[in-house]
Amino acid sequence: MAKRGGFPGGMPGNMNNLMKQAQRMQRQMEEGQKELETKEFSAKAGGGAVEAVVSGKKELVRIQIAEDAVDPDDVEMLQDMIVAAVNEALKQADEASQELMGKMTGGLGGGFPF
């Protein structure tokens, strides 16, 4: 009985189709990553006194601080608000990245450690 294509050892499948699917998935992932990198994620802390904006590349783009948030007698509070806003914005960027990877790798099982 003749074998029709597939992997050595009798595993079913067509290597060309698998390669095409892998290349298509790679293109989609690259496009999705480029799109994600153009997005901005913002978060506020201290009731809006501090706003941090990060890019999809997880780089800090800007910090906005309300004038009334600057209290020379309580610099520590301002520092805490900045840290909180930056961390929340980075968390949003990370979640968007994970969502993108989940869409791209869904059904592959195990996922990729991105």
PDB file of N, CA and C in Angstrom:
ATOM      1  N   MET A   1       0.849  -1.177   0.000  1.00  0.00           N
ATOM      2  CA  MET A   1       0.000   0.000   0.000  1.00  0.00           C
ATOM      3  C   MET A   1       0.894   1.239   0.000  1.00  0.00           C
ATOM      4  N   ALA A   2       0.661   2.169  -0.898  1.00  0.00           N
ATOM      5  CA  ALA A   2       1.473   3.371  -1.024  1.00  0.00           C
ATOM      6  C   ALA A   2       1.009   4.421  -0.016  1.00  0.00           C
ATOM      7  N   LYS A   3       1.978   5.148   0.514  1.00  0.00           N
ATOM      8  CA  LYS A   3       1.670   6.232   1.453  1.00  0.00           C
ATOM      9  C   LYS A   3       1.470   7.518   0.664  1.00  0.00           C
ATOM     10  N   ARG A   4       0.536   8.335   1.117  1.00  0.00           N
ATOM     11  CA  ARG A   4       0.295   9.626   0.478  1.00  0.00           C
ATOM     12  C   ARG A   4       0.837  10.736   1.366  1.00  0.00           C
ATOM     13  N   GLY A   5       1.960  11.297   0.999  1.00  0.00           N
ATOM     14  CA  GLY A   5       2.512  12.436   1.722  1.00  0.00           C
ATOM     15  C   GLY A   5       2.557  12.223   3.221  1.00  0.00           C
ATOM     16  N   GLY A   6       2.942  13.215   3.950  1.00  0.00           N
ATOM     17  CA  GLY A   6       2.936  13.142   5.400  1.00  0.00           C
ATOM     18  C   GLY A   6       4.328  13.064   5.976  1.00  0.00           C
ATOM     19  N   PHE A   7       4.383  12.834   7.247  1.00  0.00           N
ATOM     20  CA  PHE A   7       5.647  12.767   7.944  1.00  0.00           C
ATOM     21  C   PHE A   7       6.170  11.341   7.944  1.00  0.00           C
ATOM     22  N   PRO A   8       7.488  11.183   8.028  1.00  0.00           N
ATOM     23  CA  PRO A   8       8.041   9.833   8.142  1.00  0.00           C
ATOM     24  C   PRO A   8       7.440   9.144   9.362  1.00  0.00           C
ATOM     25  N   GLY A   9       7.201   7.893   9.226  1.00  0.00           N
ATOM     26  CA  GLY A   9       6.623   7.147  10.333  1.00  0.00           C
ATOM     27  C   GLY A   9       5.117   7.091  10.248  1.00  0.00           C
ATOM     28  N   GLY A  10       4.551   7.639   9.202  1.00  0.00           N
ATOM     29  CA  GLY A  10       3.124   7.506   8.973  1.00  0.00           C
ATOM     30  C   GLY A  10       2.247   8.563   9.607  1.00  0.00           C
ATOM     31  N   MET A  11       2.813   9.627  10.176  1.00  0.00           N
ATOM     32  CA  MET A  11       1.969  10.673  10.742  1.00  0.00           C
ATOM     33  C   MET A  11       1.242  11.401   9.617  1.00  0.00           C
ATOM     34  N   PRO A  12      -0.065  11.593   9.728  1.00  0.00           N
ATOM     35  CA  PRO A  12      -0.812  12.250   8.661  1.00  0.00           C
ATOM     36  C   PRO A  12      -0.482  13.735   8.581  1.00  0.00           C
ATOM     37  N   GLY A  13      -0.673  14.302   7.415  1.00  0.00           N
ATOM     38  CA  GLY A  13      -0.469  15.741   7.253  1.00  0.00           C
ATOM     39  C   GLY A  13       0.325  16.046   6.009  1.00  0.00           C
ATOM     40  N   ASN A  14       0.262  17.274   5.627  1.00  0.00           N
ATOM     41  CA  ASN A  14       0.974  17.714   4.452  1.00  0.00           C
ATOM     42  C   ASN A  14       1.937  18.811   4.909  1.00  0.00           C
ATOM     43  N   MET A  15       3.225  18.542   4.772  1.00  0.00           N
ATOM     44  CA  MET A  15       4.255  19.455   5.258  1.00  0.00           C
ATOM     45  C   MET A  15       4.141  20.835   4.605  1.00  0.00           C
ATOM     46  N   ASN A  16       3.805  20.892   3.332  1.00  0.00           N
ATOM     47  CA  ASN A  16       3.672  22.187   2.655  1.00  0.00           C
ATOM     48  C   ASN A  16       2.549  23.013   3.282  1.00  0.00           C
ATOM     49  N   ASN A  17       1.422  22.375   3.557  1.00  0.00           N
ATOM     50  CA  ASN A  17       0.310  23.088   4.187  1.00  0.00           C
ATOM     51  C   ASN A  17       0.682  23.584   5.583  1.00  0.00           C
ATOM     52  N   LEU A  18       1.395  22.751   6.326  1.00  0.00           N
ATOM     53  CA  LEU A  18       1.828  23.156   7.663  1.00  0.00           C
ATOM     54  C   LEU A  18       2.772  24.351   7.590  1.00  0.00           C
ATOM     55  N   MET A  19       3.681  24.338   6.626  1.00  0.00           N
ATOM     56  CA  MET A  19       4.619  25.452   6.473  1.00  0.00           C
ATOM     57  C   MET A  19       3.874  26.729   6.089  1.00  0.00           C
ATOM     58  N   LYS A  20       2.902  26.618   5.192  1.00  0.00           N
ATOM     59  CA  LYS A  20       2.118  27.783   4.786  1.00  0.00           C
ATOM     60  C   LYS A  20       1.338  28.341   5.970  1.00  0.00           C
ATOM     61  N   GLN A  21       0.756  27.459   6.766  1.00  0.00           N
ATOM     62  CA  GLN A  21       0.010  27.901   7.943  1.00  0.00           C
ATOM     63  C   GLN A  21       0.932  28.594   8.937  1.00  0.00           C
ATOM     64  N   ALA A  22       2.130  28.041   9.140  1.00  0.00           N
ATOM     65  CA  ALA A  22       3.088  28.633  10.068  1.00  0.00           C
ATOM     66  C   ALA A  22       3.530  30.003   9.573  1.00  0.00           C
ATOM     67  N   GLN A  23       3.772  30.137   8.279  1.00  0.00           N
ATOM     68  CA  GLN A  23       4.180  31.423   7.720  1.00  0.00           C
ATOM     69  C   GLN A  23       3.052  32.444   7.829  1.00  0.00           C
ATOM     70  N   ARG A  24       1.816  32.023   7.578  1.00  0.00           N
ATOM     71  CA  ARG A  24       0.665  32.913   7.690  1.00  0.00           C
ATOM     72  C   ARG A  24       0.513  33.382   9.147  1.00  0.00           C
ATOM     73  N   MET A  25       0.668  32.455  10.081  1.00  0.00           N
ATOM     74  CA  MET A  25       0.560  32.803  11.493  1.00  0.00           C
ATOM     75  C   MET A  25       1.663  33.777  11.884  1.00  0.00           C
ATOM     76  N   GLN A  26       2.867  33.566  11.370  1.00  0.00           N
ATOM     77  CA  GLN A  26       3.968  34.461  11.688  1.00  0.00           C
ATOM     78  C   GLN A  26       3.687  35.869  11.154  1.00  0.00           C
ATOM     79  N   ARG A  27       3.169  35.974   9.938  1.00  0.00           N
ATOM     80  CA  ARG A  27       2.823  37.282   9.369  1.00  0.00           C
ATOM     81  C   ARG A  27       1.749  37.966  10.213  1.00  0.00           C
ATOM     82  N   GLN A  28       0.740  37.200  10.615  1.00  0.00           N
ATOM     83  CA  GLN A  28      -0.335  37.768  11.431  1.00  0.00           C
ATOM     84  C   GLN A  28       0.201  38.256  12.778  1.00  0.00           C
ATOM     85  N   MET A  29       1.104  37.493  13.364  1.00  0.00           N
ATOM     86  CA  MET A  29       1.684  37.889  14.646  1.00  0.00           C
ATOM     87  C   MET A  29       2.510  39.160  14.490  1.00  0.00           C
ATOM     88  N   GLU A  30       3.279  39.251  13.408  1.00  0.00           N
ATOM     89  CA  GLU A  30       4.087  40.444  13.170  1.00  0.00           C
ATOM     90  C   GLU A  30       3.201  41.664  12.952  1.00  0.00           C
ATOM     91  N   GLU A  31       2.129  41.501  12.180  1.00  0.00           N
ATOM     92  CA  GLU A  31       1.201  42.607  11.936  1.00  0.00           C
ATOM     93  C   GLU A  31       0.526  43.031  13.233  1.00  0.00           C
ATOM     94  N   GLY A  32       0.100  42.055  14.014  1.00  0.00           N
ATOM     95  CA  GLY A  32      -0.539  42.349  15.293  1.00  0.00           C
ATOM     96  C   GLY A  32       0.411  43.053  16.242  1.00  0.00           C
ATOM     97  N   GLN A  33       1.664  42.629  16.260  1.00  0.00           N
ATOM     98  CA  GLN A  33       2.658  43.251  17.136  1.00  0.00           C
ATOM     99  C   GLN A  33       2.916  44.691  16.707  1.00  0.00           C
ATOM    100  N   LYS A  34       3.014  44.933  15.394  1.00  0.00           N
ATOM    101  CA  LYS A  34       3.222  46.299  14.906  1.00  0.00           C
ATOM    102  C   LYS A  34       2.036  47.188  15.287  1.00  0.00           C
ATOM    103  N   GLU A  35       0.835  46.652  15.148  1.00  0.00           N
ATOM    104  CA  GLU A  35      -0.363  47.416  15.514  1.00  0.00           C
ATOM    105  C   GLU A  35      -0.365  47.726  17.001  1.00  0.00           C
ATOM    106  N   LEU A  36      -0.014  46.740  17.802  1.00  0.00           N
ATOM    107  CA  LEU A  36       0.027  46.925  19.252  1.00  0.00           C
ATOM    108  C   LEU A  36       1.039  47.998  19.637  1.00  0.00           C
ATOM    109  N   GLU A  37       2.189  48.017  18.967  1.00  0.00           N
ATOM    110  CA  GLU A  37       3.234  48.980  19.292  1.00  0.00           C
ATOM    111  C   GLU A  37       2.808  50.414  19.023  1.00  0.00           C
ATOM    112  N   THR A  38       1.824  50.624  18.151  1.00  0.00           N
ATOM    113  CA  THR A  38       1.376  51.981  17.843  1.00  0.00           C
ATOM    114  C   THR A  38       0.332  52.476  18.837  1.00  0.00           C
ATOM    115  N   LYS A  39      -0.215  51.577  19.635  1.00  0.00           N
ATOM    116  CA  LYS A  39      -1.239  51.962  20.606  1.00  0.00           C
ATOM    117  C   LYS A  39      -0.615  52.579  21.847  1.00  0.00           C
ATOM    118  N   GLU A  40      -1.432  53.371  22.536  1.00  0.00           N
ATOM    119  CA  GLU A  40      -1.019  53.945  23.812  1.00  0.00           C
ATOM    120  C   GLU A  40      -2.006  53.514  24.884  1.00  0.00           C
ATOM    121  N   PHE A  41      -1.495  53.324  26.079  1.00  0.00           N
ATOM    122  CA  PHE A  41      -2.297  52.904  27.216  1.00  0.00           C
ATOM    123  C   PHE A  41      -2.077  53.915  28.337  1.00  0.00           C
ATOM    124  N   SER A  42      -3.167  54.386  28.912  1.00  0.00           N
ATOM    125  CA  SER A  42      -3.015  55.385  29.965  1.00  0.00           C
ATOM    126  C   SER A  42      -3.730  54.929  31.226  1.00  0.00           C
ATOM    127  N   ALA A  43      -3.209  55.405  32.331  1.00  0.00           N
ATOM    128  CA  ALA A  43      -3.809  55.112  33.625  1.00  0.00           C
ATOM    129  C   ALA A  43      -3.620  56.323  34.515  1.00  0.00           C
ATOM    130  N   LYS A  44      -4.595  56.527  35.408  1.00  0.00           N
ATOM    131  CA  LYS A  44      -4.549  57.656  36.325  1.00  0.00           C
ATOM    132  C   LYS A  44      -4.465  57.149  37.757  1.00  0.00           C
ATOM    133  N   ALA A  45      -3.910  57.985  38.604  1.00  0.00           N
ATOM    134  CA  ALA A  45      -3.827  57.680  40.033  1.00  0.00           C
ATOM    135  C   ALA A  45      -4.132  58.956  40.804  1.00  0.00           C
ATOM    136  N   GLY A  46      -4.469  58.778  42.059  1.00  0.00           N
ATOM    137  CA  GLY A  46      -4.757  59.928  42.902  1.00  0.00           C
ATOM    138  C   GLY A  46      -5.963  60.711  42.425  1.00  0.00           C
ATOM    139  N   GLY A  47      -6.989  59.990  41.977  1.00  0.00           N
ATOM    140  CA  GLY A  47      -8.202  60.659  41.509  1.00  0.00           C
ATOM    141  C   GLY A  47      -7.969  61.488  40.255  1.00  0.00           C
ATOM    142  N   GLY A  48      -6.988  61.100  39.455  1.00  0.00           N
ATOM    143  CA  GLY A  48      -6.691  61.814  38.215  1.00  0.00           C
ATOM    144  C   GLY A  48      -5.575  62.839  38.370  1.00  0.00           C
ATOM    145  N   ALA A  49      -4.981  62.924  39.541  1.00  0.00           N
ATOM    146  CA  ALA A  49      -3.910  63.897  39.765  1.00  0.00           C
ATOM    147  C   ALA A  49      -2.664  63.557  38.945  1.00  0.00           C
ATOM    148  N   VAL A  50      -2.465  62.258  38.680  1.00  0.00           N
ATOM    149  CA  VAL A  50      -1.317  61.804  37.899  1.00  0.00           C
ATOM    150  C   VAL A  50      -1.822  60.881  36.808  1.00  0.00           C
ATOM    151  N   GLU A  51      -1.352  61.118  35.584  1.00  0.00           N
ATOM    152  CA  GLU A  51      -1.687  60.236  34.464  1.00  0.00           C
ATOM    153  C   GLU A  51      -0.391  59.798  33.802  1.00  0.00           C
ATOM    154  N   ALA A  52      -0.282  58.490  33.576  1.00  0.00           N
ATOM    155  CA  ALA A  52       0.871  57.929  32.882  1.00  0.00           C
ATOM    156  C   ALA A  52       0.393  57.330  31.571  1.00  0.00           C
ATOM    157  N   VAL A  53       1.171  57.534  30.519  1.00  0.00           N
ATOM    158  CA  VAL A  53       0.852  56.984  29.207  1.00  0.00           C
ATOM    159  C   VAL A  53       2.058  56.176  28.742  1.00  0.00           C
ATOM    160  N   VAL A  54       1.808  54.910  28.388  1.00  0.00           N
ATOM    161  CA  VAL A  54       2.868  54.046  27.864  1.00  0.00           C
ATOM    162  C   VAL A  54       2.472  53.564  26.480  1.00  0.00           C
ATOM    163  N   SER A  55       3.475  53.187  25.701  1.00  0.00           N
ATOM    164  CA  SER A  55       3.224  52.657  24.364  1.00  0.00           C
ATOM    165  C   SER A  55       3.064  51.142  24.434  1.00  0.00           C
ATOM    166  N   GLY A  56       2.626  50.560  23.329  1.00  0.00           N
ATOM    167  CA  GLY A  56       2.528  49.107  23.241  1.00  0.00           C
ATOM    168  C   GLY A  56       3.882  48.437  23.322  1.00  0.00           C
ATOM    169  N   LYS A  57       4.941  49.215  23.162  1.00  0.00           N
ATOM    170  CA  LYS A  57       6.306  48.693  23.325  1.00  0.00           C
ATOM    171  C   LYS A  57       6.710  48.699  24.791  1.00  0.00           C
ATOM    172  N   LYS A  58       5.775  49.117  25.636  1.00  0.00           N
ATOM    173  CA  LYS A  58       5.982  49.196  27.084  1.00  0.00           C
ATOM    174  C   LYS A  58       7.043  50.226  27.435  1.00  0.00           C
ATOM    175  N   GLU A  59       6.985  51.357  26.716  1.00  0.00           N
ATOM    176  CA  GLU A  59       7.860  52.482  27.001  1.00  0.00           C
ATOM    177  C   GLU A  59       7.002  53.645  27.514  1.00  0.00           C
ATOM    178  N   LEU A  60       7.493  54.320  28.518  1.00  0.00           N
ATOM    179  CA  LEU A  60       6.782  55.461  29.069  1.00  0.00           C
ATOM    180  C   LEU A  60       6.804  56.586  28.037  1.00  0.00           C
ATOM    181  N   VAL A  61       5.619  57.076  27.658  1.00  0.00           N
ATOM    182  CA  VAL A  61       5.495  58.125  26.650  1.00  0.00           C
ATOM    183  C   VAL A  61       5.423  59.494  27.322  1.00  0.00           C
ATOM    184  N   ARG A  62       4.572  59.602  28.353  1.00  0.00           N
ATOM    185  CA  ARG A  62       4.474  60.878  29.057  1.00  0.00           C
ATOM    186  C   ARG A  62       3.827  60.679  30.436  1.00  0.00           C
ATOM    187  N   ILE A  63       4.076  61.661  31.268  1.00  0.00           N
ATOM    188  CA  ILE A  63       3.479  61.737  32.605  1.00  0.00           C
ATOM    189  C   ILE A  63       2.840  63.119  32.704  1.00  0.00           C
ATOM    190  N   GLN A  64       1.607  63.168  33.148  1.00  0.00           N
ATOM    191  CA  GLN A  64       0.945  64.441  33.394  1.00  0.00           C
ATOM    192  C   GLN A  64       0.630  64.505  34.886  1.00  0.00           C
ATOM    193  N   ILE A  65       0.996  65.615  35.474  1.00  0.00           N
ATOM    194  CA  ILE A  65       0.789  65.796  36.911  1.00  0.00           C
ATOM    195  C   ILE A  65      -0.001  67.079  37.116  1.00  0.00           C
ATOM    196  N   ALA A  66      -1.119  66.948  37.798  1.00  0.00           N
ATOM    197  CA  ALA A  66      -1.926  68.128  38.111  1.00  0.00           C
ATOM    198  C   ALA A  66      -1.150  69.027  39.063  1.00  0.00           C
ATOM    199  N   GLU A  67      -1.280  70.310  38.864  1.00  0.00           N
ATOM    200  CA  GLU A  67      -0.535  71.274  39.667  1.00  0.00           C
ATOM    201  C   GLU A  67      -0.798  71.106  41.160  1.00  0.00           C
ATOM    202  N   ASP A  68      -2.046  70.809  41.515  1.00  0.00           N
ATOM    203  CA  ASP A  68      -2.366  70.688  42.942  1.00  0.00           C
ATOM    204  C   ASP A  68      -1.853  69.388  43.553  1.00  0.00           C
ATOM    205  N   ALA A  69      -1.300  68.484  42.723  1.00  0.00           N
ATOM    206  CA  ALA A  69      -0.729  67.244  43.247  1.00  0.00           C
ATOM    207  C   ALA A  69       0.695  67.447  43.746  1.00  0.00           C
ATOM    208  N   VAL A  70       1.263  68.595  43.409  1.00  0.00           N
ATOM    209  CA  VAL A  70       2.647  68.888  43.797  1.00  0.00           C
ATOM    210  C   VAL A  70       2.636  69.606  45.148  1.00  0.00           C
ATOM    211  N   ASP A  71       2.917  68.839  46.168  1.00  0.00           N
ATOM    212  CA  ASP A  71       2.973  69.372  47.537  1.00  0.00           C
ATOM    213  C   ASP A  71       4.393  69.151  48.049  1.00  0.00           C
ATOM    214  N   PRO A  72       5.175  70.217  48.196  1.00  0.00           N
ATOM    215  CA  PRO A  72       6.564  70.059  48.636  1.00  0.00           C
ATOM    216  C   PRO A  72       6.688  69.366  49.990  1.00  0.00           C
ATOM    217  N   ASP A  73       5.625  69.391  50.774  1.00  0.00           N
ATOM    218  CA  ASP A  73       5.670  68.746  52.081  1.00  0.00           C
ATOM    219  C   ASP A  73       5.297  67.267  52.013  1.00  0.00           C
ATOM    220  N   ASP A  74       4.846  66.810  50.848  1.00  0.00           N
ATOM    221  CA  ASP A  74       4.439  65.405  50.719  1.00  0.00           C
ATOM    222  C   ASP A  74       4.868  64.851  49.356  1.00  0.00           C
ATOM    223  N   VAL A  75       6.146  64.884  49.105  1.00  0.00           N
ATOM    224  CA  VAL A  75       6.706  64.385  47.838  1.00  0.00           C
ATOM    225  C   VAL A  75       6.460  62.881  47.713  1.00  0.00           C
ATOM    226  N   GLU A  76       6.481  62.176  48.830  1.00  0.00           N
ATOM    227  CA  GLU A  76       6.295  60.726  48.807  1.00  0.00           C
ATOM    228  C   GLU A  76       4.935  60.341  48.207  1.00  0.00           C
ATOM    229  N   MET A  77       3.902  61.092  48.499  1.00  0.00           N
ATOM    230  CA  MET A  77       2.569  60.820  47.953  1.00  0.00           C
ATOM    231  C   MET A  77       2.596  60.949  46.426  1.00  0.00           C
ATOM    232  N   LEU A  78       3.234  61.984  45.923  1.00  0.00           N
ATOM    233  CA  LEU A  78       3.342  62.191  44.479  1.00  0.00           C
ATOM    234  C   LEU A  78       4.116  61.045  43.839  1.00  0.00           C
ATOM    235  N   GLN A  79       5.196  60.644  44.457  1.00  0.00           N
ATOM    236  CA  GLN A  79       5.987  59.518  43.939  1.00  0.00           C
ATOM    237  C   GLN A  79       5.150  58.244  43.876  1.00  0.00           C
ATOM    238  N   ASP A  80       4.377  57.990  44.915  1.00  0.00           N
ATOM    239  CA  ASP A  80       3.518  56.803  44.944  1.00  0.00           C
ATOM    240  C   ASP A  80       2.467  56.848  43.838  1.00  0.00           C
ATOM    241  N   MET A  81       1.895  58.039  43.608  1.00  0.00           N
ATOM    242  CA  MET A  81       0.887  58.161  42.547  1.00  0.00           C
ATOM    243  C   MET A  81       1.510  57.918  41.172  1.00  0.00           C
ATOM    244  N   ILE A  82       2.724  58.404  40.969  1.00  0.00           N
ATOM    245  CA  ILE A  82       3.403  58.192  39.690  1.00  0.00           C
ATOM    246  C   ILE A  82       3.660  56.705  39.476  1.00  0.00           C
ATOM    247  N   VAL A  83       4.183  56.050  40.474  1.00  0.00           N
ATOM    248  CA  VAL A  83       4.458  54.610  40.373  1.00  0.00           C
ATOM    249  C   VAL A  83       3.169  53.844  40.089  1.00  0.00           C
ATOM    250  N   ALA A  84       2.102  54.169  40.792  1.00  0.00           N
ATOM    251  CA  ALA A  84       0.824  53.473  40.608  1.00  0.00           C
ATOM    252  C   ALA A  84       0.291  53.668  39.189  1.00  0.00           C
ATOM    253  N   ALA A  85       0.354  54.890  38.688  1.00  0.00           N
ATOM    254  CA  ALA A  85      -0.157  55.164  37.339  1.00  0.00           C
ATOM    255  C   ALA A  85       0.678  54.458  36.281  1.00  0.00           C
ATOM    256  N   VAL A  86       1.993  54.509  36.410  1.00  0.00           N
ATOM    257  CA  VAL A  86       2.873  53.854  35.430  1.00  0.00           C
ATOM    258  C   VAL A  86       2.653  52.347  35.463  1.00  0.00           C
ATOM    259  N   ASN A  87       2.590  51.760  36.642  1.00  0.00           N
ATOM    260  CA  ASN A  87       2.394  50.315  36.741  1.00  0.00           C
ATOM    261  C   ASN A  87       1.064  49.877  36.130  1.00  0.00           C
ATOM    262  N   GLU A  88       0.014  50.651  36.352  1.00  0.00           N
ATOM    263  CA  GLU A  88      -1.295  50.297  35.794  1.00  0.00           C
ATOM    264  C   GLU A  88      -1.288  50.416  34.270  1.00  0.00           C
ATOM    265  N   ALA A  89      -0.659  51.444  33.734  1.00  0.00           N
ATOM    266  CA  ALA A  89      -0.581  51.603  32.282  1.00  0.00           C
ATOM    267  C   ALA A  89       0.229  50.467  31.662  1.00  0.00           C
ATOM    268  N   LEU A  90       1.332  50.084  32.304  1.00  0.00           N
ATOM    269  CA  LEU A  90       2.130  48.959  31.812  1.00  0.00           C
ATOM    270  C   LEU A  90       1.340  47.658  31.878  1.00  0.00           C
ATOM    271  N   LYS A  91       0.542  47.503  32.914  1.00  0.00           N
ATOM    272  CA  LYS A  91      -0.295  46.309  33.052  1.00  0.00           C
ATOM    273  C   LYS A  91      -1.288  46.232  31.889  1.00  0.00           C
ATOM    274  N   GLN A  92      -1.870  47.370  31.523  1.00  0.00           N
ATOM    275  CA  GLN A  92      -2.809  47.398  30.400  1.00  0.00           C
ATOM    276  C   GLN A  92      -2.115  47.005  29.101  1.00  0.00           C
ATOM    277  N   ALA A  93      -0.908  47.517  28.877  1.00  0.00           N
ATOM    278  CA  ALA A  93      -0.146  47.181  27.674  1.00  0.00           C
ATOM    279  C   ALA A  93       0.187  45.700  27.661  1.00  0.00           C
ATOM    280  N   ASP A  94       0.557  45.160  28.809  1.00  0.00           N
ATOM    281  CA  ASP A  94       0.892  43.742  28.909  1.00  0.00           C
ATOM    282  C   ASP A  94      -0.328  42.864  28.641  1.00  0.00           C
ATOM    283  N   GLU A  95      -1.475  43.251  29.183  1.00  0.00           N
ATOM    284  CA  GLU A  95      -2.703  42.482  28.960  1.00  0.00           C
ATOM    285  C   GLU A  95      -3.096  42.497  27.479  1.00  0.00           C
ATOM    286  N   ALA A  96      -2.918  43.636  26.814  1.00  0.00           N
ATOM    287  CA  ALA A  96      -3.226  43.716  25.385  1.00  0.00           C
ATOM    288  C   ALA A  96      -2.293  42.814  24.592  1.00  0.00           C
ATOM    289  N   SER A  97      -1.037  42.758  24.984  1.00  0.00           N
ATOM    290  CA  SER A  97      -0.062  41.891  24.322  1.00  0.00           C
ATOM    291  C   SER A  97      -0.427  40.424  24.528  1.00  0.00           C
ATOM    292  N   GLN A  98      -0.798  40.069  25.745  1.00  0.00           N
ATOM    293  CA  GLN A  98      -1.187  38.687  26.032  1.00  0.00           C
ATOM    294  C   GLN A  98      -2.455  38.302  25.275  1.00  0.00           C
ATOM    295  N   GLU A  99      -3.379  39.238  25.158  1.00  0.00           N
ATOM    296  CA  GLU A  99      -4.616  38.975  24.414  1.00  0.00           C
ATOM    297  C   GLU A  99      -4.301  38.718  22.936  1.00  0.00           C
ATOM    298  N   LEU A 100      -3.407  39.519  22.380  1.00  0.00           N
ATOM    299  CA  LEU A 100      -2.998  39.336  20.987  1.00  0.00           C
ATOM    300  C   LEU A 100      -2.370  37.960  20.797  1.00  0.00           C
ATOM    301  N   MET A 101      -1.465  37.586  21.681  1.00  0.00           N
ATOM    302  CA  MET A 101      -0.804  36.290  21.565  1.00  0.00           C
ATOM    303  C   MET A 101      -1.812  35.156  21.752  1.00  0.00           C
ATOM    304  N   GLY A 102      -2.772  35.350  22.640  1.00  0.00           N
ATOM    305  CA  GLY A 102      -3.799  34.331  22.847  1.00  0.00           C
ATOM    306  C   GLY A 102      -4.625  34.103  21.594  1.00  0.00           C
ATOM    307  N   LYS A 103      -4.954  35.195  20.902  1.00  0.00           N
ATOM    308  CA  LYS A 103      -5.710  35.074  19.656  1.00  0.00           C
ATOM    309  C   LYS A 103      -4.895  34.350  18.600  1.00  0.00           C
ATOM    310  N   MET A 104      -3.611  34.656  18.544  1.00  0.00           N
ATOM    311  CA  MET A 104      -2.759  34.072  17.511  1.00  0.00           C
ATOM    312  C   MET A 104      -2.438  32.608  17.782  1.00  0.00           C
ATOM    313  N   THR A 105      -2.317  32.246  19.059  1.00  0.00           N
ATOM    314  CA  THR A 105      -1.885  30.898  19.386  1.00  0.00           C
ATOM    315  C   THR A 105      -3.027  30.020  19.901  1.00  0.00           C
ATOM    316  N   GLY A 106      -4.226  30.565  19.987  1.00  0.00           N
ATOM    317  CA  GLY A 106      -5.358  29.796  20.503  1.00  0.00           C
ATOM    318  C   GLY A 106      -5.488  28.484  19.755  1.00  0.00           C
ATOM    319  N   GLY A 107      -5.647  27.405  20.445  1.00  0.00           N
ATOM    320  CA  GLY A 107      -5.797  26.114  19.798  1.00  0.00           C
ATOM    321  C   GLY A 107      -4.487  25.389  19.591  1.00  0.00           C
ATOM    322  N   LEU A 108      -3.358  26.066  19.794  1.00  0.00           N
ATOM    323  CA  LEU A 108      -2.077  25.378  19.658  1.00  0.00           C
ATOM    324  C   LEU A 108      -1.744  24.625  20.928  1.00  0.00           C
ATOM    325  N   GLY A 109      -2.326  25.046  22.013  1.00  0.00           N
ATOM    326  CA  GLY A 109      -2.054  24.394  23.283  1.00  0.00           C
ATOM    327  C   GLY A 109      -0.716  24.828  23.834  1.00  0.00           C
ATOM    328  N   GLY A 110      -0.676  25.128  25.092  1.00  0.00           N
ATOM    329  CA  GLY A 110       0.578  25.502  25.722  1.00  0.00           C
ATOM    330  C   GLY A 110       0.969  26.949  25.514  1.00  0.00           C
ATOM    331  N   GLY A 111       0.643  27.484  24.365  1.00  0.00           N
ATOM    332  CA  GLY A 111       0.977  28.882  24.084  1.00  0.00           C
ATOM    333  C   GLY A 111       2.470  29.105  23.980  1.00  0.00           C
ATOM    334  N   PHE A 112       2.844  30.342  23.806  1.00  0.00           N
ATOM    335  CA  PHE A 112       4.250  30.721  23.717  1.00  0.00           C
ATOM    336  C   PHE A 112       4.571  31.606  24.898  1.00  0.00           C
ATOM    337  N   PRO A 113       5.799  31.554  25.382  1.00  0.00           N
ATOM    338  CA  PRO A 113       6.182  32.364  26.550  1.00  0.00           C
ATOM    339  C   PRO A 113       6.534  33.794  26.171  1.00  0.00           C
ATOM    340  N   PHE A 114       5.574  34.578  25.642  1.00  0.00           N
ATOM    341  CA  PHE A 114       5.835  35.964  25.248  1.00  0.00           C
ATOM    342  C   PHE A 114       5.441  36.892  26.345  1.00  0.00           C
TER     343      PHE A 114
END
